[in-house]
Amino acid sequence: MTFEVIFSPEAVDDLERLFHHAYERELTSATGDLDLADRAIDAIEQACLFLALSPFSCRKAGGSSFVRELVIPFGSTGYVALFEIVDAQTVVIGAIRHQRESDYH
């Protein structure tokens, strides 16, 4: 069984925010890698494809066993995607944050 993975509008906004933050950080860095932001978004999108196959293998987040988090390694840190298994065919990614951010917004 495979699930359809859907990015909520908020998660799409998060991807844009994370891209711009990484890009701006690299612009001001002495050794700036302007391709890093693209690679980070690619890593997030590729990791989220895993949810189509096995969303229940991710850690629970909160009171419901259907709300979970996917840890996405990238460099020395990474990202976390909050998602909900809506039904037997659908996973909705609700938010994405950098692991150094305090919480989902």
C-alpha atoms as a PDB file:
ATOM      1  CA  MET A   1       0.000   0.000   0.000  1.00  0.00           C
ATOM      2  CA  THR A   2       1.242   3.477  -0.808  1.00  0.00           C
ATOM      3  CA  PHE A   3       0.032   6.802   0.495  1.00  0.00           C
ATOM      4  CA  GLU A   4      -0.431  10.030  -1.401  1.00  0.00           C
ATOM      5  CA  VAL A   5       1.790  12.676   0.222  1.00  0.00           C
ATOM      6  CA  ILE A   6       0.337  16.195   0.152  1.00  0.00           C
ATOM      7  CA  PHE A   7       2.104  19.380   1.256  1.00  0.00           C
ATOM      8  CA  SER A   8      -0.344  21.726   2.980  1.00  0.00           C
ATOM      9  CA  PRO A   9      -0.212  25.416   1.992  1.00  0.00           C
ATOM     10  CA  GLU A  10       1.516  26.082   5.330  1.00  0.00           C
ATOM     11  CA  ALA A  11       4.175  23.465   4.573  1.00  0.00           C
ATOM     12  CA  VAL A  12       4.767  25.023   1.143  1.00  0.00           C
ATOM     13  CA  ASP A  13       5.207  28.386   2.895  1.00  0.00           C
ATOM     14  CA  ASP A  14       7.666  26.716   5.263  1.00  0.00           C
ATOM     15  CA  LEU A  15       9.699  25.372   2.327  1.00  0.00           C
ATOM     16  CA  GLU A  16       9.912  28.868   0.856  1.00  0.00           C
ATOM     17  CA  ARG A  17      10.887  30.354   4.222  1.00  0.00           C
ATOM     18  CA  LEU A  18      13.558  27.707   4.794  1.00  0.00           C
ATOM     19  CA  PHE A  19      14.932  28.198   1.282  1.00  0.00           C
ATOM     20  CA  HIS A  20      15.207  31.972   1.700  1.00  0.00           C
ATOM     21  CA  HIS A  21      16.773  31.652   5.141  1.00  0.00           C
ATOM     22  CA  ALA A  22      19.444  29.231   3.895  1.00  0.00           C
ATOM     23  CA  TYR A  23      20.117  31.320   0.805  1.00  0.00           C
ATOM     24  CA  GLU A  24      20.471  34.572   2.796  1.00  0.00           C
ATOM     25  CA  ARG A  25      22.744  32.856   5.317  1.00  0.00           C
ATOM     26  CA  GLU A  26      25.009  31.623   2.535  1.00  0.00           C
ATOM     27  CA  LEU A  27      25.074  35.065   0.876  1.00  0.00           C
ATOM     28  CA  THR A  28      26.590  36.566   4.015  1.00  0.00           C
ATOM     29  CA  SER A  29      28.980  33.688   4.655  1.00  0.00           C
ATOM     30  CA  ALA A  30      32.654  34.044   3.730  1.00  0.00           C
ATOM     31  CA  THR A  31      32.523  30.623   2.098  1.00  0.00           C
ATOM     32  CA  GLY A  32      28.935  30.893   0.850  1.00  0.00           C
ATOM     33  CA  ASP A  33      27.529  27.962  -1.085  1.00  0.00           C
ATOM     34  CA  LEU A  34      24.590  29.369  -3.033  1.00  0.00           C
ATOM     35  CA  ASP A  35      23.496  25.871  -4.093  1.00  0.00           C
ATOM     36  CA  LEU A  36      23.017  24.802  -0.470  1.00  0.00           C
ATOM     37  CA  ALA A  37      19.448  26.132  -0.275  1.00  0.00           C
ATOM     38  CA  ASP A  38      18.448  24.113  -3.350  1.00  0.00           C
ATOM     39  CA  ARG A  39      20.068  20.977  -1.925  1.00  0.00           C
ATOM     40  CA  ALA A  40      18.280  21.458   1.405  1.00  0.00           C
ATOM     41  CA  ILE A  41      14.853  21.706  -0.248  1.00  0.00           C
ATOM     42  CA  ASP A  42      15.653  18.695  -2.443  1.00  0.00           C
ATOM     43  CA  ALA A  43      16.646  16.705   0.664  1.00  0.00           C
ATOM     44  CA  ILE A  44      13.376  17.625   2.377  1.00  0.00           C
ATOM     45  CA  GLU A  45      11.260  16.714  -0.649  1.00  0.00           C
ATOM     46  CA  GLN A  46      13.101  13.408  -1.181  1.00  0.00           C
ATOM     47  CA  ALA A  47      12.780  12.467   2.500  1.00  0.00           C
ATOM     48  CA  CYS A  48       9.044  13.167   2.394  1.00  0.00           C
ATOM     49  CA  LEU A  49       8.685  10.582  -0.380  1.00  0.00           C
ATOM     50  CA  PHE A  50       9.449   7.990   2.312  1.00  0.00           C
ATOM     51  CA  LEU A  51       6.068   8.816   3.848  1.00  0.00           C
ATOM     52  CA  ALA A  52       4.348   7.291   0.817  1.00  0.00           C
ATOM     53  CA  LEU A  53       5.697   3.910   1.865  1.00  0.00           C
ATOM     54  CA  SER A  54       5.919   3.865   5.637  1.00  0.00           C
ATOM     55  CA  PRO A  55       4.468   6.826   7.541  1.00  0.00           C
ATOM     56  CA  PHE A  56       3.746   4.796  10.684  1.00  0.00           C
ATOM     57  CA  SER A  57       7.471   4.171  11.183  1.00  0.00           C
ATOM     58  CA  CYS A  58       8.024   7.830  12.112  1.00  0.00           C
ATOM     59  CA  ARG A  59       7.886   9.019  15.704  1.00  0.00           C
ATOM     60  CA  LYS A  60       4.606  10.099  17.250  1.00  0.00           C
ATOM     61  CA  ALA A  61       4.070  13.806  17.915  1.00  0.00           C
ATOM     62  CA  GLY A  62       1.339  14.599  20.386  1.00  0.00           C
ATOM     63  CA  GLY A  63      -1.648  12.668  21.625  1.00  0.00           C
ATOM     64  CA  SER A  64      -2.786  11.106  18.369  1.00  0.00           C
ATOM     65  CA  SER A  65      -0.998   8.123  16.871  1.00  0.00           C
ATOM     66  CA  PHE A  66      -1.814   9.612  13.457  1.00  0.00           C
ATOM     67  CA  VAL A  67       0.201  12.816  14.000  1.00  0.00           C
ATOM     68  CA  ARG A  68       3.894  12.138  13.553  1.00  0.00           C
ATOM     69  CA  GLU A  69       7.278  13.683  12.787  1.00  0.00           C
ATOM     70  CA  LEU A  70       9.792  12.805  10.126  1.00  0.00           C
ATOM     71  CA  VAL A  71      13.400  13.671  10.997  1.00  0.00           C
ATOM     72  CA  ILE A  72      15.308  14.762   7.895  1.00  0.00           C
ATOM     73  CA  PRO A  73      19.101  14.802   8.231  1.00  0.00           C
ATOM     74  CA  PHE A  74      20.955  17.532   6.341  1.00  0.00           C
ATOM     75  CA  GLY A  75      24.515  18.531   7.068  1.00  0.00           C
ATOM     76  CA  SER A  76      25.302  18.717  10.772  1.00  0.00           C
ATOM     77  CA  THR A  77      21.636  19.321  11.666  1.00  0.00           C
ATOM     78  CA  GLY A  78      18.536  18.905   9.520  1.00  0.00           C
ATOM     79  CA  TYR A  79      14.809  19.421   9.417  1.00  0.00           C
ATOM     80  CA  VAL A  80      11.642  17.996  10.955  1.00  0.00           C
ATOM     81  CA  ALA A  81       8.361  17.548   9.082  1.00  0.00           C
ATOM     82  CA  LEU A  82       5.126  17.366  11.067  1.00  0.00           C
ATOM     83  CA  PHE A  83       2.500  15.300   9.285  1.00  0.00           C
ATOM     84  CA  GLU A  84      -0.837  13.596   9.785  1.00  0.00           C
ATOM     85  CA  ILE A  85      -1.968  10.274   8.425  1.00  0.00           C
ATOM     86  CA  VAL A  86      -5.448  11.379   7.372  1.00  0.00           C
ATOM     87  CA  ASP A  87      -6.780   8.074   6.073  1.00  0.00           C
ATOM     88  CA  ALA A  88      -5.611   4.794   4.535  1.00  0.00           C
ATOM     89  CA  GLN A  89      -4.401   6.615   1.427  1.00  0.00           C
ATOM     90  CA  THR A  90      -3.362  10.129   2.436  1.00  0.00           C
ATOM     91  CA  VAL A  91      -0.582  11.791   4.395  1.00  0.00           C
ATOM     92  CA  VAL A  92      -0.664  15.577   4.801  1.00  0.00           C
ATOM     93  CA  ILE A  93       2.500  17.427   5.731  1.00  0.00           C
ATOM     94  CA  GLY A  94       1.402  20.292   7.933  1.00  0.00           C
ATOM     95  CA  ALA A  95       4.654  22.033   8.802  1.00  0.00           C
ATOM     96  CA  ILE A  96       8.395  21.834   8.291  1.00  0.00           C
ATOM     97  CA  ARG A  97      11.027  23.412  10.487  1.00  0.00           C
ATOM     98  CA  HIS A  98      14.765  23.453  10.911  1.00  0.00           C
ATOM     99  CA  GLN A  99      15.905  21.361  13.879  1.00  0.00           C
ATOM    100  CA  ARG A 100      17.337  24.487  15.510  1.00  0.00           C
ATOM    101  CA  GLU A 101      14.009  26.314  15.432  1.00  0.00           C
ATOM    102  CA  SER A 102      12.149  26.326  18.730  1.00  0.00           C
ATOM    103  CA  ASP A 103       8.868  24.875  17.472  1.00  0.00           C
ATOM    104  CA  TYR A 104       6.384  24.686  14.636  1.00  0.00           C
ATOM    105  CA  HIS A 105       4.569  27.942  14.030  1.00  0.00           C
END
